Structures are given as structure tokens and as C-alpha cells.
Protein backbone atom coordinates (compact mmCIF):
# COMPACT_ATOMS: atom_id res chain seq x y z
CA UNK A 1 -0.18 -0.08 0.01
CA UNK A 2 3.00 1.84 -0.27
CA UNK A 3 4.01 2.18 3.37
CA UNK A 4 5.05 -0.09 6.14
CA UNK A 5 1.36 0.30 7.94
CA UNK A 6 -0.07 -2.96 8.38
CA UNK A 7 -4.24 -3.14 8.10
CA UNK A 8 -6.28 -5.28 10.31
CA UNK A 9 -8.48 -7.96 9.30
CA UNK A 10 -11.26 -10.28 10.40
CA UNK A 11 -10.48 -12.85 7.87
CA UNK A 12 -8.07 -13.26 5.38
CA UNK A 13 -8.45 -16.04 2.64
CA UNK A 14 -5.38 -16.73 0.53
CA UNK A 15 -5.82 -18.89 -2.51
CA UNK A 16 -4.24 -20.00 -5.54
CA UNK A 17 -4.61 -21.99 -8.93
CA UNK A 18 -7.07 -20.99 -11.64
CA UNK A 19 -10.20 -22.13 -10.04
CA UNK A 20 -11.56 -21.28 -6.32
CA UNK A 21 -10.80 -23.48 -3.48
CA UNK A 22 -13.32 -25.95 -2.36
CA UNK A 23 -13.54 -23.74 0.69
CA UNK A 24 -15.03 -21.00 -1.15
CA UNK A 25 -17.92 -23.07 -2.54
CA UNK A 26 -20.17 -22.45 1.24
CA UNK A 27 -19.19 -18.80 1.02
CA UNK A 28 -22.21 -16.40 0.76
CA UNK A 29 -20.76 -14.40 -2.09
CA UNK A 30 -21.51 -13.59 -5.63
CA UNK A 31 -19.75 -16.52 -7.27
CA UNK A 32 -19.27 -18.65 -10.90
CA UNK A 33 -20.55 -21.92 -8.92
CA UNK A 34 -18.95 -24.19 -11.65
CA UNK A 35 -15.64 -23.04 -10.35
CA UNK A 36 -16.46 -20.92 -7.26
CA UNK A 37 -14.43 -17.82 -8.60
CA UNK A 38 -15.91 -15.09 -6.92
CA UNK A 39 -17.37 -11.84 -9.16
CA UNK A 40 -15.88 -8.60 -8.01
CA UNK A 41 -15.68 -4.84 -9.54
CA UNK A 42 -12.95 -3.29 -11.00
CA UNK A 43 -12.37 -1.78 -7.60
CA UNK A 44 -11.95 -5.69 -6.70
CA UNK A 45 -15.12 -5.28 -4.20
CA UNK A 46 -17.88 -8.25 -3.66
CA UNK A 47 -21.24 -8.03 -3.18
CA UNK A 48 -20.54 -7.64 -0.14
CA UNK A 49 -18.83 -4.09 0.76
CA UNK A 50 -16.22 -5.60 3.67
CA UNK A 51 -14.82 -8.34 0.97
CA UNK A 52 -12.69 -7.57 -1.81
CA UNK A 53 -11.43 -10.57 -4.06
CA UNK A 54 -8.85 -10.65 -6.48
CA UNK A 55 -6.21 -13.27 -8.30
CA UNK A 56 -7.33 -16.54 -9.87
CA UNK A 57 -10.06 -17.46 -7.33
CA UNK A 58 -12.00 -13.90 -8.61
CA UNK A 59 -13.85 -12.75 -12.05
CA UNK A 60 -12.83 -9.20 -11.99
CA UNK A 61 -14.87 -7.06 -13.85
CA UNK A 62 -13.50 -5.75 -17.20
CA UNK A 63 -14.86 -3.19 -19.97
CA UNK A 64 -16.36 -5.31 -22.42
CA UNK A 65 -17.81 -8.64 -21.76
CA UNK A 66 -15.07 -10.47 -20.37
CA UNK A 67 -13.43 -10.72 -17.11
CA UNK A 68 -9.88 -10.23 -16.28
CA UNK A 69 -7.63 -13.26 -17.14
CA UNK A 70 -6.99 -15.38 -14.67
CA UNK A 71 -3.11 -14.92 -15.09
CA UNK A 72 -0.03 -14.22 -13.17
CA UNK A 73 0.48 -11.18 -14.92
CA UNK A 74 -3.40 -9.85 -14.65
CA UNK A 75 -2.71 -10.60 -10.67
CA UNK A 76 0.50 -8.49 -10.79
CA UNK A 77 -1.00 -5.78 -12.20
CA UNK A 78 -4.03 -5.89 -10.00
CA UNK A 79 -2.07 -6.22 -6.69
CA UNK A 80 -1.39 -2.88 -6.73
CA UNK A 81 -4.11 -1.10 -7.23
CA UNK A 82 -6.38 -3.85 -4.64
CA UNK A 83 -3.66 -2.66 -2.12
CA UNK A 84 -4.39 0.77 -2.67
CA UNK A 85 -8.43 0.10 -2.24
CA UNK A 86 -8.09 -2.09 0.81
CA UNK A 87 -6.07 0.77 2.46
CA UNK A 88 -9.12 3.50 0.74
CA UNK A 89 -11.53 1.46 2.01
CA UNK A 90 -10.62 1.50 5.65
CA UNK A 91 -10.33 5.56 5.46
CA UNK A 92 -13.68 5.74 3.64
CA UNK A 93 -11.92 7.30 0.28
CA UNK A 94 -13.17 5.95 -2.82
CA UNK A 95 -11.89 3.39 -4.56
CA UNK A 96 -9.98 3.23 -7.82
CA UNK A 97 -10.88 1.02 -10.78
CA UNK A 98 -8.69 -1.17 -11.96
CA UNK A 99 -8.35 -2.37 -15.99
CA UNK A 100 -6.48 -5.03 -16.91
CA UNK A 101 -3.71 -4.11 -20.01
CA UNK A 102 -2.42 -7.39 -21.65
CA UNK A 103 1.38 -7.22 -22.13
CA UNK A 104 1.32 -10.56 -24.41
CA UNK A 105 1.52 -14.07 -23.73
CA UNK A 106 4.83 -16.01 -22.61
CA UNK A 107 4.34 -20.05 -22.06
CA UNK A 108 7.04 -22.54 -21.38
CA UNK A 109 6.53 -26.14 -21.69
CA UNK A 110 9.34 -28.02 -20.09
CA UNK A 111 12.47 -26.86 -22.13
CA UNK A 112 10.26 -25.05 -24.92
CA UNK A 113 9.02 -21.76 -24.87
CA UNK A 114 6.91 -19.33 -26.96
CA UNK A 115 5.78 -15.73 -26.81
CA UNK A 116 2.53 -14.23 -28.50
CA UNK A 117 1.79 -10.56 -29.13
CA UNK A 118 4.25 -9.28 -26.60
CA UNK A 119 3.80 -5.86 -26.24
CA UNK A 120 7.12 -3.34 -27.81
CA UNK A 121 7.64 -7.03 -30.08
CA UNK A 122 7.53 -6.43 -33.89
CA UNK A 123 7.09 -10.30 -34.34
CA UNK A 124 3.65 -11.55 -33.23
CA UNK A 125 4.78 -15.10 -32.29
CA UNK A 126 8.21 -16.39 -31.93
CA UNK A 127 9.94 -19.25 -29.56
CA UNK A 128 13.15 -20.77 -29.47
CA UNK A 129 16.28 -18.89 -27.79
CA UNK A 130 14.36 -15.77 -27.57
CA UNK A 131 11.02 -16.59 -26.05
CA UNK A 132 13.30 -18.93 -23.19
CA UNK A 133 15.24 -15.67 -22.76
CA UNK A 134 12.00 -13.29 -22.35
CA UNK A 135 10.44 -16.32 -20.16
CA UNK A 136 13.44 -16.09 -17.62
CA UNK A 137 13.20 -12.33 -17.87
CA UNK A 138 10.16 -12.30 -16.78
CA UNK A 139 10.84 -14.72 -13.74
CA UNK A 140 13.98 -12.54 -12.77
CA UNK A 141 12.36 -9.50 -12.60
CA UNK A 142 9.44 -11.21 -10.72
CA UNK A 143 11.80 -12.57 -8.45
CA UNK A 144 14.02 -9.06 -8.09
CA UNK A 145 10.56 -7.33 -7.30
CA UNK A 146 9.80 -9.30 -4.59
CA UNK A 147 13.32 -10.14 -3.14
CA UNK A 148 16.35 -8.65 -4.98
CA UNK A 149 18.37 -8.48 -7.91
CA UNK A 150 21.33 -10.32 -5.99
CA UNK A 151 18.61 -13.58 -5.71
CA UNK A 152 16.92 -12.87 -9.49
CA UNK A 153 20.61 -13.34 -10.56
CA UNK A 154 21.78 -16.59 -8.41
CA UNK A 155 18.18 -18.18 -9.66
CA UNK A 156 18.79 -17.29 -13.44
CA UNK A 157 20.54 -20.18 -14.08
CA UNK A 158 18.15 -22.77 -12.64
CA UNK A 159 15.27 -20.89 -14.81
């Protein structure tokens, strides 16, 4: 949220994966009954103003007819705005609306990788070493953001 303050909470549900966890099945919130993903506005608020949803287990409204994709890219982008909105809600301030900005797709399976529609890259789809290096760079950036440059550099050979 930009500072070192911690926010108090009554219940924190932390989950991962591309479907809502089984524990969300009986939660009294508007959700997709097939996979238990909780519906939320673009500001991450659910139909209960005290509950926010983010990430893979949430269906975040976006302009158009599709929710934000259940990807790490979307969750990473959304996290900062969601954190700010939690603090804003506690302070009684208006919430910000988040809109996903697709920066492309990079997929790796085993030793193979492919990239598609990557922002600022003139080739629409590519594979091989350039895609593998891009995938490693994305992972290293994440490690750097959550830990340090040193840890990202140390992890590079094992990616």
C-alpha cells in the first residue's frame, strides 16, 4: 500500500490456482457455481462491501463482456490497486478501478517456450531462445521485485 503500515482484518483468505478453492464453495458471495470464482467489480469489491477478491479465484469485471484473465500477469498488475483500495476502504476514501492491460503471452513447457503478441516486440509470435530468454527475464524481474537483484541473478541459471 505504499508504506509500512499493516491493515487489520477479521478474516484473510489466501488462495491460488485457476479455480476457487473448495473452501469458497459455501461462502455467501456472488460467484460462478462451476468453479467458485467470486464476482468482483473493477475495484475488487464483491457484493459484500467488506469483502474484496483478487487473482485467480476472482472474476474481476472489465470493460466489455469478459472478466480479467486468471493469469499471473493480471494478478501482478491488480495487486497494487487492490492493496491501495483496501487502505482506501479503511479510510473511507473512494476506490480506484483497475483495468487489465494485456502485455502479451509467454508460455514454457519443459525446455520449450513461445511468446505471442508481446508489447513493443515487432514479431507477433516467436519461439526458441528469444522466447526462453524473455520467459527467464520475466521470472527474474518478479524475483527481483519481491526479493532482490542478487537473488534474481542467483536464480537465473536454474530457470
